[in-house]
Amino acid sequence: MVNTTGKMFQITTFGSSHGRALGAVVDGCPANLELNEKDIQIELNKRRPGTSKLTSQRNEKDHVEILSGIFEGRTDGTPIACIVLNSNQHSKDYSNLKNVPRPGHGDYCWYSKYGNYDYNGGGRGSGRTTIGQVIGGAIAKKLLKTHGIEIISHVTQIGNVVAEDIPLNEIHKKVKLNPVRCADNNAAKRMEKLILECKDSGDSVGGIVETIATGVPTGLGEPVYGKLDGDLAKALMEINAVKGVEIGAGFEVASNFGSENNDEFILNPMIDKKDINLKRDVITTTNNCGGILGGMSDGMPIISRIAIKPTPSISKLQNTVNLKEKENNPVLIEGRHDPCICPRVTIVSESATAIVLADHMIRSGFINPCNIKKTSF
């Protein structure tokens, strides 16, 4: 079972939904990055349940403890181990699911591959395991900020409710104004209404989350294997419940002409010609490529979108099989579940993006792998 992602900046996650604890070990973070538990806690608070009526009411504080890798407030170049203890799991809610795989979940595949599975909240396959990704993402974000790279995610669609396009400089401010984490506050109200209607009827709904990374230098990624968009798409697709990934214009390019789709290059008009740096100050008039050309970043904002399926745990009677008795078996899933996970996925998408970018910043030589105070290998 693979539990590690990244090449030079690696994240290994561990733990399960109803086990004693979850967490991550971050290996490859250079020394001398200022880091403390508050930096990670801020990110975990965006992901944790029970923060609004739109989320699961599982009451977890998700308090993080750093066990290693920090000396006198800075990373020391050794593995950073972080742990979050579980405290509010209700395993009895899942006792009726033993030998009964839940529709829409990975239970049956897990059983077929490994011969057993933890049916308590989905075990290692639970969305709660994204705590490890967020821990890794928090450290990656702090590392990226030393080079002026910022990442923001927001919900652009829930069910059939689609948000209007919001200018990038407004997204940072407006996404914090509602529990849906949608920058279009009018659409957010309709989204919230739809989510609550699903909750009341015992159903769930999916949606789309967009993630934007700014300040990324030109030249991250490789032109053949190790493409930046390939690694990014893989990381995003590995987030629980994601069933589709788009970079830039995405599937819209299929209906475009080349004359419509090509992003034309110009010199940045905000910079005096005598001060132009051709490695930094060439921009494009559009960004259909989503900031990545030929597998490498082109200096424009990196834009991705992920399609998230409706939460499979719903309070409606569904059909499945009893693996022990070898017979059809109706099932009613109990417990506390999100009627829509899109708002909480925003921080996970930010984290996955940050981990990929931090890895490539080190691999491409923009960040020294040993000491962030050094400017070269």
Protein backbone atom coordinates (compact mmCIF):
# COMPACT_ATOMS: atom_id res chain seq x y z
CA MET A 1 0.00 0.00 0.00
CA VAL A 2 1.48 3.36 -1.05
CA ASN A 3 1.19 6.06 1.61
CA THR A 4 3.89 8.47 0.39
CA THR A 5 3.78 11.20 -2.27
CA GLY A 6 6.48 13.46 -3.69
CA LYS A 7 10.11 12.94 -4.74
CA MET A 8 12.34 15.42 -2.90
CA PHE A 9 9.62 16.92 -0.70
CA GLN A 10 7.81 13.81 0.54
CA ILE A 11 4.65 13.38 2.61
CA THR A 12 3.84 10.06 4.27
CA THR A 13 0.41 9.98 5.88
CA PHE A 14 -0.88 7.51 8.46
CA GLY A 15 -3.93 6.73 10.58
CA SER A 16 -7.61 5.97 10.11
CA SER A 17 -10.99 7.52 10.79
CA HIS A 18 -11.67 5.68 14.05
CA GLY A 19 -8.15 4.71 15.08
CA ARG A 20 -6.21 6.35 17.87
CA ALA A 21 -4.62 9.05 15.72
CA LEU A 22 -3.80 10.36 12.25
CA GLY A 23 -0.90 12.38 10.99
CA ALA A 24 1.97 12.82 8.59
CA VAL A 25 5.73 12.64 8.34
CA VAL A 26 7.18 15.34 6.09
CA ASP A 27 10.62 14.46 4.75
CA GLY A 28 12.76 16.70 2.57
CA CYS A 29 11.80 20.06 4.03
CA PRO A 30 14.98 22.18 4.06
CA ALA A 31 16.39 23.53 7.31
CA ASN A 32 15.78 27.02 8.71
CA LEU A 33 12.12 27.40 7.78
CA GLU A 34 10.30 29.11 10.65
CA LEU A 35 7.53 26.72 11.66
CA ASN A 36 5.32 26.05 14.67
CA GLU A 37 2.12 24.21 15.52
CA LYS A 38 0.00 27.32 14.95
CA ASP A 39 1.06 27.40 11.28
CA ILE A 40 -0.36 23.90 10.84
CA GLN A 41 -3.36 24.37 13.13
CA ILE A 42 -4.65 27.31 11.08
CA GLU A 43 -4.88 25.03 8.05
CA LEU A 44 -6.38 22.09 9.94
CA ASN A 45 -9.10 24.35 11.35
CA LYS A 46 -10.30 25.02 7.80
CA ARG A 47 -10.70 21.26 7.22
CA ARG A 48 -12.07 20.07 10.55
CA PRO A 49 -15.71 18.95 10.93
CA GLY A 50 -18.44 20.52 13.02
CA THR A 51 -17.70 24.13 12.02
CA SER A 52 -21.12 24.82 10.46
CA LYS A 53 -24.50 23.22 9.85
CA LEU A 54 -23.26 22.26 6.37
CA THR A 55 -20.67 19.79 7.66
CA SER A 56 -20.56 16.56 9.62
CA GLN A 57 -21.29 17.22 13.29
CA ARG A 58 -18.44 15.00 14.43
CA ASN A 59 -16.90 17.26 17.09
CA GLU A 60 -13.14 17.00 16.63
CA LYS A 61 -10.74 19.79 17.58
CA ASP A 62 -8.03 18.24 15.36
CA HIS A 63 -5.30 19.62 17.62
CA VAL A 64 -1.89 19.00 16.05
CA GLU A 65 1.30 18.17 17.91
CA ILE A 66 4.72 18.35 16.27
CA LEU A 67 6.87 15.46 17.46
CA SER A 68 10.12 16.07 15.59
CA GLY A 69 11.94 18.09 12.97
CA ILE A 70 11.88 21.49 14.71
CA PHE A 71 14.71 23.05 16.70
CA GLU A 72 14.38 26.50 18.29
CA GLY A 73 11.38 27.38 16.11
CA ARG A 74 12.91 26.35 12.79
CA THR A 75 13.04 23.20 10.72
CA ASP A 76 16.33 21.36 11.16
CA GLY A 77 16.27 19.31 7.95
CA THR A 78 15.15 16.09 9.64
CA PRO A 79 11.71 14.46 9.17
CA ILE A 80 8.85 16.53 10.61
CA ALA A 81 6.41 14.19 12.35
CA CYS A 82 2.97 15.53 13.29
CA ILE A 83 0.08 13.79 15.03
CA VAL A 84 -3.64 14.48 15.58
CA LEU A 85 -5.50 12.35 18.12
CA ASN A 86 -9.06 11.19 17.45
CA SER A 87 -11.46 11.97 20.28
CA ASN A 88 -15.07 11.88 19.03
CA GLN A 89 -15.40 8.74 16.94
CA HIS A 90 -18.70 6.78 17.19
CA SER A 91 -17.70 3.31 16.02
CA LYS A 92 -21.03 1.82 17.12
CA ASP A 93 -22.68 3.74 14.26
CA TYR A 94 -20.94 1.37 11.84
CA SER A 95 -21.49 -2.02 13.51
CA ASN A 96 -24.21 -2.93 10.97
CA LEU A 97 -21.70 -2.48 8.10
CA LYS A 98 -19.45 -5.41 8.99
CA ASN A 99 -19.28 -7.60 5.86
CA VAL A 100 -21.64 -5.15 4.11
CA PRO A 101 -19.78 -2.83 1.67
CA ARG A 102 -21.30 0.62 1.35
CA PRO A 103 -22.45 1.73 -2.14
CA GLY A 104 -20.20 4.45 -3.54
CA HIS A 105 -17.33 3.67 -1.15
CA GLY A 106 -14.12 1.68 -1.63
CA ASP A 107 -15.12 -1.01 0.90
CA TYR A 108 -15.70 -3.79 -1.64
CA CYS A 109 -12.49 -3.06 -3.57
CA TRP A 110 -10.55 -2.90 -0.31
CA TYR A 111 -11.97 -6.27 0.77
CA SER A 112 -11.26 -7.86 -2.64
CA LYS A 113 -7.64 -6.63 -2.68
CA TYR A 114 -6.58 -7.00 0.95
CA GLY A 115 -8.97 -9.60 2.33
CA ASN A 116 -10.33 -7.33 5.06
CA TYR A 117 -11.27 -3.72 5.62
CA ASP A 118 -11.92 -1.36 8.51
CA TYR A 119 -15.63 -0.65 8.23
CA ASN A 120 -15.57 1.96 11.04
CA GLY A 121 -16.00 5.21 9.17
CA GLY A 122 -14.12 3.87 6.20
CA GLY A 123 -10.88 3.28 8.13
CA ARG A 124 -7.83 4.28 6.14
CA GLY A 125 -10.03 5.12 3.15
CA SER A 126 -11.96 7.79 5.06
CA GLY A 127 -11.93 11.43 4.08
CA ARG A 128 -10.62 12.06 7.58
CA THR A 129 -7.22 10.81 6.44
CA THR A 130 -6.83 14.06 4.48
CA ILE A 131 -5.61 15.46 7.80
CA GLY A 132 -2.20 14.14 6.75
CA GLN A 133 -2.38 15.95 3.41
CA VAL A 134 -3.32 19.20 5.12
CA ILE A 135 -0.40 18.87 7.55
CA GLY A 136 1.97 18.39 4.62
CA GLY A 137 0.28 21.21 2.72
CA ALA A 138 0.62 23.61 5.64
CA ILE A 139 4.39 23.07 5.70
CA ALA A 140 4.60 23.29 1.90
CA LYS A 141 2.66 26.57 1.94
CA LYS A 142 5.01 28.08 4.51
CA LEU A 143 7.95 27.02 2.33
CA LEU A 144 6.37 28.46 -0.82
CA LYS A 145 5.64 31.79 0.87
CA THR A 146 9.38 32.35 1.22
CA HIS A 147 9.30 32.71 -2.58
CA GLY A 148 6.08 34.71 -2.83
CA ILE A 149 3.86 31.83 -3.95
CA GLU A 150 0.25 31.95 -2.69
CA ILE A 151 -2.55 29.39 -3.17
CA ILE A 152 -6.30 29.85 -2.81
CA SER A 153 -9.21 27.46 -3.46
CA HIS A 154 -12.91 28.26 -3.74
CA VAL A 155 -16.14 26.49 -4.60
CA THR A 156 -17.44 27.41 -8.05
CA GLN A 157 -20.37 24.98 -8.32
CA ILE A 158 -22.65 22.93 -6.08
CA GLY A 159 -25.14 20.73 -7.90
CA ASN A 160 -26.71 22.92 -10.58
CA VAL A 161 -25.83 26.19 -8.83
CA VAL A 162 -22.91 27.85 -10.65
CA ALA A 163 -21.02 30.86 -9.31
CA GLU A 164 -20.19 33.91 -11.39
CA ASP A 165 -16.55 34.56 -12.25
CA ILE A 166 -14.89 36.64 -9.54
CA PRO A 167 -11.64 38.61 -10.05
CA LEU A 168 -8.65 36.90 -8.45
CA ASN A 169 -7.94 39.80 -6.11
CA GLU A 170 -11.49 39.52 -4.76
CA ILE A 171 -11.51 35.75 -4.19
CA HIS A 172 -9.17 35.94 -1.18
CA LYS A 173 -11.51 38.33 0.61
CA LYS A 174 -14.92 36.97 -0.37
CA VAL A 175 -14.29 33.24 0.05
CA LYS A 176 -14.10 33.75 3.82
CA LEU A 177 -17.54 35.36 4.06
CA ASN A 178 -19.68 32.21 3.92
CA PRO A 179 -19.46 28.56 5.05
CA VAL A 180 -19.71 27.30 1.46
CA ARG A 181 -16.37 29.01 0.68
CA CYS A 182 -17.71 30.42 -2.54
CA ALA A 183 -16.47 33.86 -3.62
CA ASP A 184 -19.83 34.69 -5.24
CA ASN A 185 -21.93 35.43 -2.15
CA ASN A 186 -25.24 35.41 -4.05
CA ALA A 187 -24.52 31.96 -5.46
CA ALA A 188 -23.26 30.87 -2.02
CA LYS A 189 -26.70 31.50 -0.52
CA ARG A 190 -28.34 29.28 -3.15
CA MET A 191 -25.65 26.64 -2.66
CA GLU A 192 -26.21 26.62 1.09
CA LYS A 193 -29.96 26.22 0.56
CA LEU A 194 -29.40 23.27 -1.78
CA ILE A 195 -26.97 21.57 0.63
CA LEU A 196 -29.40 21.91 3.54
CA GLU A 197 -32.25 20.55 1.41
CA CYS A 198 -30.11 17.50 0.64
CA LYS A 199 -29.25 17.12 4.31
CA ASP A 200 -32.92 17.23 5.33
CA SER A 201 -33.86 14.63 2.72
CA GLY A 202 -31.00 12.30 3.67
CA ASP A 203 -29.21 12.86 0.38
CA SER A 204 -25.97 14.57 -0.74
CA VAL A 205 -24.66 16.72 -3.58
CA GLY A 206 -21.36 17.22 -5.38
CA GLY A 207 -19.67 20.19 -7.01
CA ILE A 208 -16.52 21.83 -8.36
CA VAL A 209 -13.57 23.39 -6.53
CA GLU A 210 -11.13 25.70 -8.30
CA THR A 211 -7.56 26.25 -7.05
CA ILE A 212 -5.28 29.11 -8.10
CA ALA A 213 -1.55 29.40 -7.41
CA THR A 214 0.10 32.78 -8.01
CA GLY A 215 3.73 33.85 -7.95
CA VAL A 216 4.97 30.56 -9.43
CA PRO A 217 8.22 31.10 -11.38
CA THR A 218 8.70 29.98 -14.96
CA GLY A 219 10.30 26.58 -15.40
CA LEU A 220 8.83 24.21 -12.80
CA GLY A 221 8.24 20.73 -14.20
CA GLU A 222 9.80 18.61 -16.93
CA PRO A 223 9.00 18.59 -20.66
CA VAL A 224 8.55 14.81 -21.08
CA TYR A 225 8.04 12.78 -17.89
CA GLY A 226 7.50 14.61 -14.63
CA LYS A 227 5.33 17.26 -16.25
CA LEU A 228 4.04 19.77 -13.70
CA ASP A 229 0.46 19.39 -14.88
CA GLY A 230 0.83 15.59 -14.81
CA ASP A 231 2.03 15.60 -11.21
CA LEU A 232 -0.60 18.16 -10.24
CA ALA A 233 -3.42 16.21 -11.87
CA LYS A 234 -2.26 13.04 -10.11
CA ALA A 235 -2.16 14.75 -6.71
CA LEU A 236 -5.60 16.27 -7.17
CA MET A 237 -7.09 13.02 -8.46
CA GLU A 238 -5.82 11.25 -5.34
CA ILE A 239 -8.00 13.42 -3.09
CA ASN A 240 -10.96 11.41 -1.79
CA ALA A 241 -14.13 11.77 -3.92
CA VAL A 242 -12.45 13.58 -6.85
CA LYS A 243 -13.61 12.14 -10.20
CA GLY A 244 -12.30 14.73 -12.65
CA VAL A 245 -9.44 17.24 -13.03
CA GLU A 246 -9.07 20.20 -15.35
CA ILE A 247 -6.03 22.44 -15.86
CA GLY A 248 -6.74 25.89 -17.31
CA ALA A 249 -9.60 25.80 -19.82
CA GLY A 250 -9.76 22.02 -19.37
CA PHE A 251 -12.34 20.20 -21.44
CA GLU A 252 -13.44 23.47 -23.02
CA VAL A 253 -10.37 23.29 -25.29
CA ALA A 254 -12.05 20.44 -27.19
CA SER A 255 -14.49 22.91 -28.77
CA ASN A 256 -12.00 25.75 -29.34
CA PHE A 257 -10.05 26.69 -32.45
CA GLY A 258 -6.30 27.16 -32.10
CA SER A 259 -6.76 30.87 -32.76
CA GLU A 260 -9.07 31.00 -29.72
CA ASN A 261 -7.12 28.72 -27.44
CA ASN A 262 -3.52 29.87 -27.88
CA ASP A 263 -2.29 32.24 -25.16
CA GLU A 264 -0.37 35.03 -26.91
CA PHE A 265 2.83 36.34 -25.32
CA ILE A 266 3.47 40.00 -24.54
CA LEU A 267 5.96 41.95 -22.43
CA ASN A 268 4.50 43.01 -19.09
CA PRO A 269 3.21 46.55 -19.77
CA MET A 270 3.59 47.45 -16.08
CA ILE A 271 7.37 47.24 -16.28
CA ASP A 272 9.71 49.72 -17.99
CA LYS A 273 11.28 48.11 -21.06
CA LYS A 274 14.83 48.73 -19.79
CA ASP A 275 14.03 46.77 -16.63
CA ILE A 276 12.42 43.80 -18.40
CA ASN A 277 13.70 40.37 -17.33
CA LEU A 278 12.82 37.91 -20.09
CA LYS A 279 12.71 35.01 -17.62
CA ARG A 280 10.12 36.76 -15.50
CA ASP A 281 8.34 39.57 -17.34
CA VAL A 282 6.89 37.82 -20.38
CA ILE A 283 3.18 37.25 -19.79
CA THR A 284 0.21 35.99 -21.80
CA THR A 285 -2.94 37.89 -22.74
CA THR A 286 -5.11 34.90 -21.77
CA ASN A 287 -4.48 31.83 -19.60
CA ASN A 288 -6.22 28.92 -21.27
CA CYS A 289 -3.20 26.73 -20.51
CA GLY A 290 -3.70 27.35 -16.78
CA GLY A 291 -0.13 28.50 -16.22
CA ILE A 292 1.50 25.35 -17.62
CA LEU A 293 2.91 24.91 -21.16
CA GLY A 294 4.89 21.92 -22.40
CA GLY A 295 4.75 20.40 -18.92
CA MET A 296 6.42 23.46 -17.36
CA SER A 297 5.10 26.52 -15.54
CA ASP A 298 5.03 29.68 -17.69
CA GLY A 299 4.83 32.24 -14.88
CA MET A 300 1.08 32.85 -15.12
CA PRO A 301 -1.33 31.75 -12.36
CA ILE A 302 -1.69 27.97 -12.20
CA ILE A 303 -5.41 27.19 -12.31
CA SER A 304 -7.02 23.81 -11.73
CA ARG A 305 -10.55 22.57 -11.13
CA ILE A 306 -11.69 19.31 -9.57
CA ALA A 307 -15.08 17.62 -9.88
CA ILE A 308 -16.19 16.14 -6.55
CA LYS A 309 -18.82 13.44 -6.35
CA PRO A 310 -21.72 13.60 -3.88
CA THR A 311 -20.83 12.19 -0.46
CA PRO A 312 -21.60 8.46 -0.80
CA SER A 313 -22.73 8.12 2.84
CA ILE A 314 -26.41 9.07 2.66
CA SER A 315 -29.35 8.38 4.94
CA LYS A 316 -31.40 6.51 2.37
CA LEU A 317 -31.99 2.77 2.07
CA GLN A 318 -29.63 1.32 -0.57
CA ASN A 319 -28.88 -2.11 -1.97
CA THR A 320 -25.63 -3.99 -1.39
CA VAL A 321 -24.51 -7.55 -0.56
CA ASN A 322 -23.53 -9.38 2.60
CA LEU A 323 -20.07 -10.77 1.90
CA LYS A 324 -20.28 -13.36 4.67
CA GLU A 325 -23.78 -14.66 3.97
CA LYS A 326 -23.41 -14.26 0.18
CA GLU A 327 -26.81 -12.69 -0.24
CA ASN A 328 -28.31 -9.37 -1.25
CA ASN A 329 -28.62 -7.01 1.68
CA PRO A 330 -30.35 -3.60 1.96
CA VAL A 331 -28.34 -1.15 4.05
CA LEU A 332 -28.99 2.11 5.85
CA ILE A 333 -25.81 4.07 6.62
CA GLU A 334 -25.90 5.75 10.00
CA GLY A 335 -23.40 8.12 11.57
CA ARG A 336 -22.49 11.77 10.96
CA HIS A 337 -21.72 12.76 7.39
CA ASP A 338 -21.31 15.87 5.23
CA PRO A 339 -24.21 16.45 2.83
CA CYS A 340 -21.58 18.13 0.63
CA ILE A 341 -17.83 17.88 1.13
CA CYS A 342 -16.85 20.59 -1.37
CA PRO A 343 -16.34 23.38 1.21
CA ARG A 344 -13.93 21.23 3.23
CA VAL A 345 -12.17 19.94 0.11
CA THR A 346 -10.99 23.48 -0.70
CA ILE A 347 -8.22 23.29 1.89
CA VAL A 348 -7.27 19.76 0.80
CA SER A 349 -6.95 20.95 -2.80
CA GLU A 350 -4.77 23.84 -1.68
CA SER A 351 -2.62 21.38 0.26
CA ALA A 352 -2.22 18.94 -2.64
CA THR A 353 -1.25 21.81 -4.93
CA ALA A 354 1.23 23.21 -2.40
CA ILE A 355 2.91 19.82 -1.93
CA VAL A 356 3.43 19.41 -5.69
CA LEU A 357 4.75 22.96 -6.11
CA ALA A 358 7.10 22.69 -3.13
CA ASP A 359 8.46 19.41 -4.49
CA HIS A 360 9.07 20.94 -7.91
CA MET A 361 10.58 24.12 -6.48
CA ILE A 362 13.23 21.95 -4.83
CA ARG A 363 13.63 19.64 -7.84
CA SER A 364 14.07 22.59 -10.21
CA GLY A 365 16.63 24.34 -8.01
CA PHE A 366 14.56 27.32 -6.89
CA ILE A 367 14.77 26.15 -3.26
CA ASN A 368 17.96 24.69 -1.83
CA PRO A 369 17.15 21.16 -0.59
CA CYS A 370 19.32 21.51 2.53
CA ASN A 371 18.98 25.09 3.73
CA ILE A 372 16.49 27.72 2.59
CA LYS A 373 19.01 30.44 3.42
CA LYS A 374 21.24 29.20 0.62
CA THR A 375 20.31 30.33 -2.90
CA SER A 376 21.87 27.43 -4.81
CA PHE A 377 22.62 23.72 -4.47
